[in-house]
Each structure stands twice: as C-alpha cells, then as structure tokens.
Amino acid sequence: MSSTPIVVHPPADTGGRRVTVHSHGRDEILGTAYSDHDLVVFLEGAGIHDADSILDDDRWIEWRGGRAHQWSAA
C-alpha cells in the first residue's frame, strides 16, 4: 500500500495512466487520465479542492513507473 492517498500508475501501452485514490481503507479507481487536465478533473470529482496545486506534491500524489506528467508509454 502506498503512503500517499493518490497514485498515478505507469503509462499504459496505449497511453494514459490509471489513477487511484486511497480512501476509507480501500483503493478506488478514479479513471484513466491522458493529461494533467484529466487528472485535475478526477481529483476535483473526488472532493479535492485546488487539485492543480498538488500535482507535484509527493505528500499527495505518487507517480509510478514513469516521470510525473508523462502520459504516453515511453
């Protein structure tokens, strides 16, 4: 389990990254993001205010299997 509440998973071969949030003792899939904008929309939908300000905050978001803000497979 991650110590951060939000995980942006590795880029898929077809592009995009799955986004999960850990809440109430379980992980919930928010969707597949294809851009920072998509990620912000998912986070706002999960109740996170001013979501764009936390994208580079490793206390909130863990970027796995690729660089932060990289949305396509390498």
PDB file of N, CA and C in Angstrom:
ATOM      1  N   MET A   1       0.842  -1.184   0.000  1.00  0.00           N
ATOM      2  CA  MET A   1       0.000   0.000   0.000  1.00  0.00           C
ATOM      3  C   MET A   1       0.879   1.238   0.000  1.00  0.00           C
ATOM      4  N   SER A   2       0.473   2.222  -0.715  1.00  0.00           N
ATOM      5  CA  SER A   2       1.196   3.481  -0.821  1.00  0.00           C
ATOM      6  C   SER A   2       0.958   4.333   0.420  1.00  0.00           C
ATOM      7  N   SER A   3       1.933   5.181   0.756  1.00  0.00           N
ATOM      8  CA  SER A   3       1.738   6.094   1.873  1.00  0.00           C
ATOM      9  C   SER A   3       1.054   7.375   1.420  1.00  0.00           C
ATOM     10  N   THR A   4       0.915   7.556   0.110  1.00  0.00           N
ATOM     11  CA  THR A   4       0.216   8.722  -0.421  1.00  0.00           C
ATOM     12  C   THR A   4      -1.215   8.337  -0.750  1.00  0.00           C
ATOM     13  N   PRO A   5      -2.140   9.272  -0.627  1.00  0.00           N
ATOM     14  CA  PRO A   5      -3.536   8.912  -0.894  1.00  0.00           C
ATOM     15  C   PRO A   5      -3.877   8.759  -2.370  1.00  0.00           C
ATOM     16  N   ILE A   6      -3.059   9.315  -3.278  1.00  0.00           N
ATOM     17  CA  ILE A   6      -3.365   9.263  -4.707  1.00  0.00           C
ATOM     18  C   ILE A   6      -2.187   8.642  -5.450  1.00  0.00           C
ATOM     19  N   VAL A   7      -2.493   7.685  -6.320  1.00  0.00           N
ATOM     20  CA  VAL A   7      -1.440   7.047  -7.110  1.00  0.00           C
ATOM     21  C   VAL A   7      -1.781   7.212  -8.584  1.00  0.00           C
ATOM     22  N   VAL A   8      -0.799   7.708  -9.342  1.00  0.00           N
ATOM     23  CA  VAL A   8      -0.892   7.750 -10.798  1.00  0.00           C
ATOM     24  C   VAL A   8      -0.008   6.599 -11.276  1.00  0.00           C
ATOM     25  N   HIS A   9      -0.644   5.580 -11.821  1.00  0.00           N
ATOM     26  CA  HIS A   9       0.029   4.336 -12.178  1.00  0.00           C
ATOM     27  C   HIS A   9       0.829   4.492 -13.471  1.00  0.00           C
ATOM     28  N   PRO A  10       1.684   3.511 -13.795  1.00  0.00           N
ATOM     29  CA  PRO A  10       2.524   3.603 -15.002  1.00  0.00           C
ATOM     30  C   PRO A  10       1.697   3.810 -16.270  1.00  0.00           C
ATOM     31  N   PRO A  11       2.286   4.487 -17.255  1.00  0.00           N
ATOM     32  CA  PRO A  11       1.584   4.674 -18.525  1.00  0.00           C
ATOM     33  C   PRO A  11       1.261   3.324 -19.178  1.00  0.00           C
ATOM     34  N   ALA A  12       0.063   3.218 -19.712  1.00  0.00           N
ATOM     35  CA  ALA A  12      -0.336   2.017 -20.448  1.00  0.00           C
ATOM     36  C   ALA A  12       0.305   2.050 -21.828  1.00  0.00           C
ATOM     37  N   ASP A  13       0.427   0.893 -22.439  1.00  0.00           N
ATOM     38  CA  ASP A  13       0.988   0.816 -23.797  1.00  0.00           C
ATOM     39  C   ASP A  13       0.194   1.668 -24.783  1.00  0.00           C
ATOM     40  N   THR A  14      -1.090   1.799 -24.538  1.00  0.00           N
ATOM     41  CA  THR A  14      -1.959   2.569 -25.425  1.00  0.00           C
ATOM     42  C   THR A  14      -2.067   4.038 -25.005  1.00  0.00           C
ATOM     43  N   GLY A  15      -1.350   4.417 -23.955  1.00  0.00           N
ATOM     44  CA  GLY A  15      -1.388   5.788 -23.451  1.00  0.00           C
ATOM     45  C   GLY A  15      -2.332   5.920 -22.272  1.00  0.00           C
ATOM     46  N   GLY A  16      -2.163   6.977 -21.532  1.00  0.00           N
ATOM     47  CA  GLY A  16      -2.979   7.210 -20.355  1.00  0.00           C
ATOM     48  C   GLY A  16      -2.445   6.480 -19.141  1.00  0.00           C
ATOM     49  N   ARG A  17      -2.862   6.952 -17.977  1.00  0.00           N
ATOM     50  CA  ARG A  17      -2.433   6.358 -16.709  1.00  0.00           C
ATOM     51  C   ARG A  17      -3.641   6.211 -15.795  1.00  0.00           C
ATOM     52  N   ARG A  18      -3.769   5.027 -15.204  1.00  0.00           N
ATOM     53  CA  ARG A  18      -4.844   4.795 -14.240  1.00  0.00           C
ATOM     54  C   ARG A  18      -4.562   5.629 -13.004  1.00  0.00           C
ATOM     55  N   VAL A  19      -5.612   6.151 -12.409  1.00  0.00           N
ATOM     56  CA  VAL A  19      -5.498   6.983 -11.209  1.00  0.00           C
ATOM     57  C   VAL A  19      -6.348   6.359 -10.121  1.00  0.00           C
ATOM     58  N   THR A  20      -5.736   6.122  -8.949  1.00  0.00           N
ATOM     59  CA  THR A  20      -6.472   5.584  -7.814  1.00  0.00           C
ATOM     60  C   THR A  20      -6.311   6.505  -6.612  1.00  0.00           C
ATOM     61  N   VAL A  21      -7.305   6.462  -5.750  1.00  0.00           N
ATOM     62  CA  VAL A  21      -7.254   7.220  -4.507  1.00  0.00           C
ATOM     63  C   VAL A  21      -7.537   6.245  -3.365  1.00  0.00           C
ATOM     64  N   HIS A  22      -6.771   6.368  -2.291  1.00  0.00           N
ATOM     65  CA  HIS A  22      -6.976   5.518  -1.114  1.00  0.00           C
ATOM     66  C   HIS A  22      -7.845   6.294  -0.138  1.00  0.00           C
ATOM     67  N   SER A  23      -9.018   5.755   0.125  1.00  0.00           N
ATOM     68  CA  SER A  23      -9.969   6.438   0.990  1.00  0.00           C
ATOM     69  C   SER A  23     -10.795   5.414   1.740  1.00  0.00           C
ATOM     70  N   HIS A  24     -11.025   5.674   3.006  1.00  0.00           N
ATOM     71  CA  HIS A  24     -11.857   4.796   3.839  1.00  0.00           C
ATOM     72  C   HIS A  24     -11.369   3.353   3.827  1.00  0.00           C
ATOM     73  N   GLY A  25     -10.037   3.176   3.839  1.00  0.00           N
ATOM     74  CA  GLY A  25      -9.454   1.850   3.939  1.00  0.00           C
ATOM     75  C   GLY A  25      -9.404   1.042   2.659  1.00  0.00           C
ATOM     76  N   ARG A  26      -9.703   1.673   1.525  1.00  0.00           N
ATOM     77  CA  ARG A  26      -9.650   0.923   0.269  1.00  0.00           C
ATOM     78  C   ARG A  26      -9.212   1.840  -0.862  1.00  0.00           C
ATOM     79  N   ASP A  27      -8.750   1.209  -1.953  1.00  0.00           N
ATOM     80  CA  ASP A  27      -8.360   1.956  -3.143  1.00  0.00           C
ATOM     81  C   ASP A  27      -9.542   2.020  -4.100  1.00  0.00           C
ATOM     82  N   GLU A  28      -9.790   3.200  -4.631  1.00  0.00           N
ATOM     83  CA  GLU A  28     -10.860   3.402  -5.598  1.00  0.00           C
ATOM     84  C   GLU A  28     -10.245   3.914  -6.903  1.00  0.00           C
ATOM     85  N   ILE A  29     -10.614   3.311  -8.002  1.00  0.00           N
ATOM     86  CA  ILE A  29     -10.139   3.760  -9.308  1.00  0.00           C
ATOM     87  C   ILE A  29     -10.966   4.969  -9.722  1.00  0.00           C
ATOM     88  N   LEU A  30     -10.266   6.075  -9.993  1.00  0.00           N
ATOM     89  CA  LEU A  30     -10.949   7.285 -10.444  1.00  0.00           C
ATOM     90  C   LEU A  30     -11.123   7.290 -11.953  1.00  0.00           C
ATOM     91  N   GLY A  31     -10.219   6.631 -12.665  1.00  0.00           N
ATOM     92  CA  GLY A  31     -10.303   6.576 -14.120  1.00  0.00           C
ATOM     93  C   GLY A  31      -8.925   6.544 -14.733  1.00  0.00           C
ATOM     94  N   THR A  32      -8.886   6.712 -16.046  1.00  0.00           N
ATOM     95  CA  THR A  32      -7.632   6.774 -16.784  1.00  0.00           C
ATOM     96  C   THR A  32      -7.444   8.205 -17.267  1.00  0.00           C
ATOM     97  N   ALA A  33      -6.344   8.805 -16.845  1.00  0.00           N
ATOM     98  CA  ALA A  33      -6.035  10.181 -17.233  1.00  0.00           C
ATOM     99  C   ALA A  33      -5.091  10.163 -18.426  1.00  0.00           C
ATOM    100  N   TYR A  34      -5.331  11.080 -19.352  1.00  0.00           N
ATOM    101  CA  TYR A  34      -4.493  11.229 -20.529  1.00  0.00           C
ATOM    102  C   TYR A  34      -3.764  12.572 -20.540  1.00  0.00           C
ATOM    103  N   SER A  35      -3.974  13.361 -19.468  1.00  0.00           N
ATOM    104  CA  SER A  35      -3.352  14.679 -19.371  1.00  0.00           C
ATOM    105  C   SER A  35      -3.458  15.178 -17.935  1.00  0.00           C
ATOM    106  N   ASP A  36      -2.709  16.232 -17.625  1.00  0.00           N
ATOM    107  CA  ASP A  36      -2.834  16.861 -16.311  1.00  0.00           C
ATOM    108  C   ASP A  36      -4.269  17.331 -16.087  1.00  0.00           C
ATOM    109  N   HIS A  37      -4.893  17.847 -17.147  1.00  0.00           N
ATOM    110  CA  HIS A  37      -6.277  18.325 -17.014  1.00  0.00           C
ATOM    111  C   HIS A  37      -7.202  17.187 -16.569  1.00  0.00           C
ATOM    112  N   ASP A  38      -7.071  16.018 -17.200  1.00  0.00           N
ATOM    113  CA  ASP A  38      -7.883  14.866 -16.797  1.00  0.00           C
ATOM    114  C   ASP A  38      -7.667  14.543 -15.329  1.00  0.00           C
ATOM    115  N   LEU A  39      -6.417  14.540 -14.900  1.00  0.00           N
ATOM    116  CA  LEU A  39      -6.093  14.229 -13.508  1.00  0.00           C
ATOM    117  C   LEU A  39      -6.756  15.229 -12.570  1.00  0.00           C
ATOM    118  N   VAL A  40      -6.673  16.502 -12.888  1.00  0.00           N
ATOM    119  CA  VAL A  40      -7.292  17.536 -12.052  1.00  0.00           C
ATOM    120  C   VAL A  40      -8.807  17.327 -11.976  1.00  0.00           C
ATOM    121  N   VAL A  41      -9.431  17.014 -13.103  1.00  0.00           N
ATOM    122  CA  VAL A  41     -10.875  16.777 -13.107  1.00  0.00           C
ATOM    123  C   VAL A  41     -11.228  15.598 -12.204  1.00  0.00           C
ATOM    124  N   PHE A  42     -10.467  14.505 -12.280  1.00  0.00           N
ATOM    125  CA  PHE A  42     -10.715  13.347 -11.414  1.00  0.00           C
ATOM    126  C   PHE A  42     -10.586  13.725  -9.938  1.00  0.00           C
ATOM    127  N   LEU A  43      -9.537  14.474  -9.619  1.00  0.00           N
ATOM    128  CA  LEU A  43      -9.290  14.838  -8.223  1.00  0.00           C
ATOM    129  C   LEU A  43     -10.367  15.769  -7.693  1.00  0.00           C
ATOM    130  N   GLU A  44     -10.790  16.719  -8.517  1.00  0.00           N
ATOM    131  CA  GLU A  44     -11.879  17.608  -8.092  1.00  0.00           C
ATOM    132  C   GLU A  44     -13.158  16.808  -7.877  1.00  0.00           C
ATOM    133  N   GLY A  45     -13.413  15.816  -8.735  1.00  0.00           N
ATOM    134  CA  GLY A  45     -14.574  14.957  -8.569  1.00  0.00           C
ATOM    135  C   GLY A  45     -14.522  14.132  -7.296  1.00  0.00           C
ATOM    136  N   ALA A  46     -13.303  13.869  -6.813  1.00  0.00           N
ATOM    137  CA  ALA A  46     -13.117  13.122  -5.563  1.00  0.00           C
ATOM    138  C   ALA A  46     -13.161  14.045  -4.347  1.00  0.00           C
ATOM    139  N   GLY A  47     -13.400  15.354  -4.592  1.00  0.00           N
ATOM    140  CA  GLY A  47     -13.553  16.286  -3.485  1.00  0.00           C
ATOM    141  C   GLY A  47     -12.297  17.029  -3.089  1.00  0.00           C
ATOM    142  N   ILE A  48     -11.266  16.975  -3.904  1.00  0.00           N
ATOM    143  CA  ILE A  48     -10.019  17.677  -3.591  1.00  0.00           C
ATOM    144  C   ILE A  48     -10.083  19.071  -4.216  1.00  0.00           C
ATOM    145  N   HIS A  49     -10.081  20.072  -3.363  1.00  0.00           N
ATOM    146  CA  HIS A  49     -10.147  21.452  -3.821  1.00  0.00           C
ATOM    147  C   HIS A  49      -8.759  21.922  -4.236  1.00  0.00           C
ATOM    148  N   ASP A  50      -8.699  22.784  -5.232  1.00  0.00           N
ATOM    149  CA  ASP A  50      -7.437  23.329  -5.733  1.00  0.00           C
ATOM    150  C   ASP A  50      -6.489  22.200  -6.142  1.00  0.00           C
ATOM    151  N   ALA A  51      -7.049  21.212  -6.852  1.00  0.00           N
ATOM    152  CA  ALA A  51      -6.317  19.992  -7.206  1.00  0.00           C
ATOM    153  C   ALA A  51      -5.055  20.265  -8.017  1.00  0.00           C
ATOM    154  N   ASP A  52      -5.066  21.287  -8.869  1.00  0.00           N
ATOM    155  CA  ASP A  52      -3.880  21.535  -9.696  1.00  0.00           C
ATOM    156  C   ASP A  52      -2.667  21.939  -8.876  1.00  0.00           C
ATOM    157  N   SER A  53      -2.878  22.400  -7.654  1.00  0.00           N
ATOM    158  CA  SER A  53      -1.748  22.813  -6.813  1.00  0.00           C
ATOM    159  C   SER A  53      -1.035  21.638  -6.146  1.00  0.00           C
ATOM    160  N   ILE A  54      -1.604  20.428  -6.199  1.00  0.00           N
ATOM    161  CA  ILE A  54      -0.965  19.288  -5.525  1.00  0.00           C
ATOM    162  C   ILE A  54      -0.311  18.299  -6.494  1.00  0.00           C
ATOM    163  N   LEU A  55      -0.349  18.579  -7.795  1.00  0.00           N
ATOM    164  CA  LEU A  55       0.158  17.613  -8.770  1.00  0.00           C
ATOM    165  C   LEU A  55       1.622  17.251  -8.557  1.00  0.00           C
ATOM    166  N   ASP A  56       2.423  18.165  -8.027  1.00  0.00           N
ATOM    167  CA  ASP A  56       3.842  17.887  -7.801  1.00  0.00           C
ATOM    168  C   ASP A  56       4.181  17.734  -6.314  1.00  0.00           C
ATOM    169  N   ASP A  57       3.158  17.538  -5.499  1.00  0.00           N
ATOM    170  CA  ASP A  57       3.351  17.377  -4.057  1.00  0.00           C
ATOM    171  C   ASP A  57       3.371  15.889  -3.724  1.00  0.00           C
ATOM    172  N   ASP A  58       4.563  15.364  -3.415  1.00  0.00           N
ATOM    173  CA  ASP A  58       4.680  13.923  -3.169  1.00  0.00           C
ATOM    174  C   ASP A  58       4.033  13.480  -1.860  1.00  0.00           C
ATOM    175  N   ARG A  59       3.530  14.406  -1.069  1.00  0.00           N
ATOM    176  CA  ARG A  59       2.732  14.017   0.109  1.00  0.00           C
ATOM    177  C   ARG A  59       1.331  13.601  -0.317  1.00  0.00           C
ATOM    178  N   TRP A  60       0.897  14.037  -1.500  1.00  0.00           N
ATOM    179  CA  TRP A  60      -0.435  13.742  -2.008  1.00  0.00           C
ATOM    180  C   TRP A  60      -0.435  12.733  -3.146  1.00  0.00           C
ATOM    181  N   ILE A  61       0.519  12.871  -4.068  1.00  0.00           N
ATOM    182  CA  ILE A  61       0.486  12.063  -5.292  1.00  0.00           C
ATOM    183  C   ILE A  61       1.794  11.306  -5.479  1.00  0.00           C
ATOM    184  N   GLU A  62       1.659  10.018  -5.759  1.00  0.00           N
ATOM    185  CA  GLU A  62       2.801   9.185  -6.115  1.00  0.00           C
ATOM    186  C   GLU A  62       2.689   8.854  -7.597  1.00  0.00           C
ATOM    187  N   TRP A  63       3.685   9.262  -8.351  1.00  0.00           N
ATOM    188  CA  TRP A  63       3.750   8.956  -9.790  1.00  0.00           C
ATOM    189  C   TRP A  63       4.570   7.684  -9.940  1.00  0.00           C
ATOM    190  N   ARG A  64       3.950   6.599 -10.385  1.00  0.00           N
ATOM    191  CA  ARG A  64       4.643   5.309 -10.509  1.00  0.00           C
ATOM    192  C   ARG A  64       4.981   5.004 -11.956  1.00  0.00           C
ATOM    193  N   GLY A  65       6.158   4.397 -12.150  1.00  0.00           N
ATOM    194  CA  GLY A  65       6.514   3.828 -13.435  1.00  0.00           C
ATOM    195  C   GLY A  65       6.678   4.817 -14.571  1.00  0.00           C
ATOM    196  N   GLY A  66       7.098   5.983 -14.259  1.00  0.00           N
ATOM    197  CA  GLY A  66       7.314   6.996 -15.285  1.00  0.00           C
ATOM    198  C   GLY A  66       7.452   8.353 -14.630  1.00  0.00           C
ATOM    199  N   ARG A  67       7.889   9.289 -15.410  1.00  0.00           N
ATOM    200  CA  ARG A  67       8.040  10.644 -14.876  1.00  0.00           C
ATOM    201  C   ARG A  67       6.672  11.272 -14.625  1.00  0.00           C
ATOM    202  N   ALA A  68       6.648  12.194 -13.701  1.00  0.00           N
ATOM    203  CA  ALA A  68       5.421  12.962 -13.472  1.00  0.00           C
ATOM    204  C   ALA A  68       5.050  13.686 -14.756  1.00  0.00           C
ATOM    205  N   HIS A  69       3.779  13.747 -15.037  1.00  0.00           N
ATOM    206  CA  HIS A  69       3.228  14.465 -16.188  1.00  0.00           C
ATOM    207  C   HIS A  69       3.532  13.785 -17.529  1.00  0.00           C
ATOM    208  N   GLN A  70       4.040  12.575 -17.510  1.00  0.00           N
ATOM    209  CA  GLN A  70       4.266  11.794 -18.736  1.00  0.00           C
ATOM    210  C   GLN A  70       3.043  10.915 -18.939  1.00  0.00           C
ATOM    211  N   TRP A  71       2.339  11.114 -20.030  1.00  0.00           N
ATOM    212  CA  TRP A  71       1.059  10.439 -20.227  1.00  0.00           C
ATOM    213  C   TRP A  71       1.092   9.328 -21.263  1.00  0.00           C
ATOM    214  N   SER A  72       2.131   9.229 -22.044  1.00  0.00           N
ATOM    215  CA  SER A  72       2.223   8.153 -23.031  1.00  0.00           C
ATOM    216  C   SER A  72       3.308   7.185 -22.628  1.00  0.00           C
ATOM    217  N   ALA A  73       3.207   5.977 -23.145  1.00  0.00           N
ATOM    218  CA  ALA A  73       4.249   4.973 -22.873  1.00  0.00           C
ATOM    219  C   ALA A  73       5.555   5.440 -23.500  1.00  0.00           C
ATOM    220  N   ALA A  74       6.653   5.154 -22.835  1.00  0.00           N
ATOM    221  CA  ALA A  74       7.968   5.622 -23.320  1.00  0.00           C
ATOM    222  C   ALA A  74       8.415   4.948 -24.580  1.00  0.00           C
TER     223      ALA A  74
END
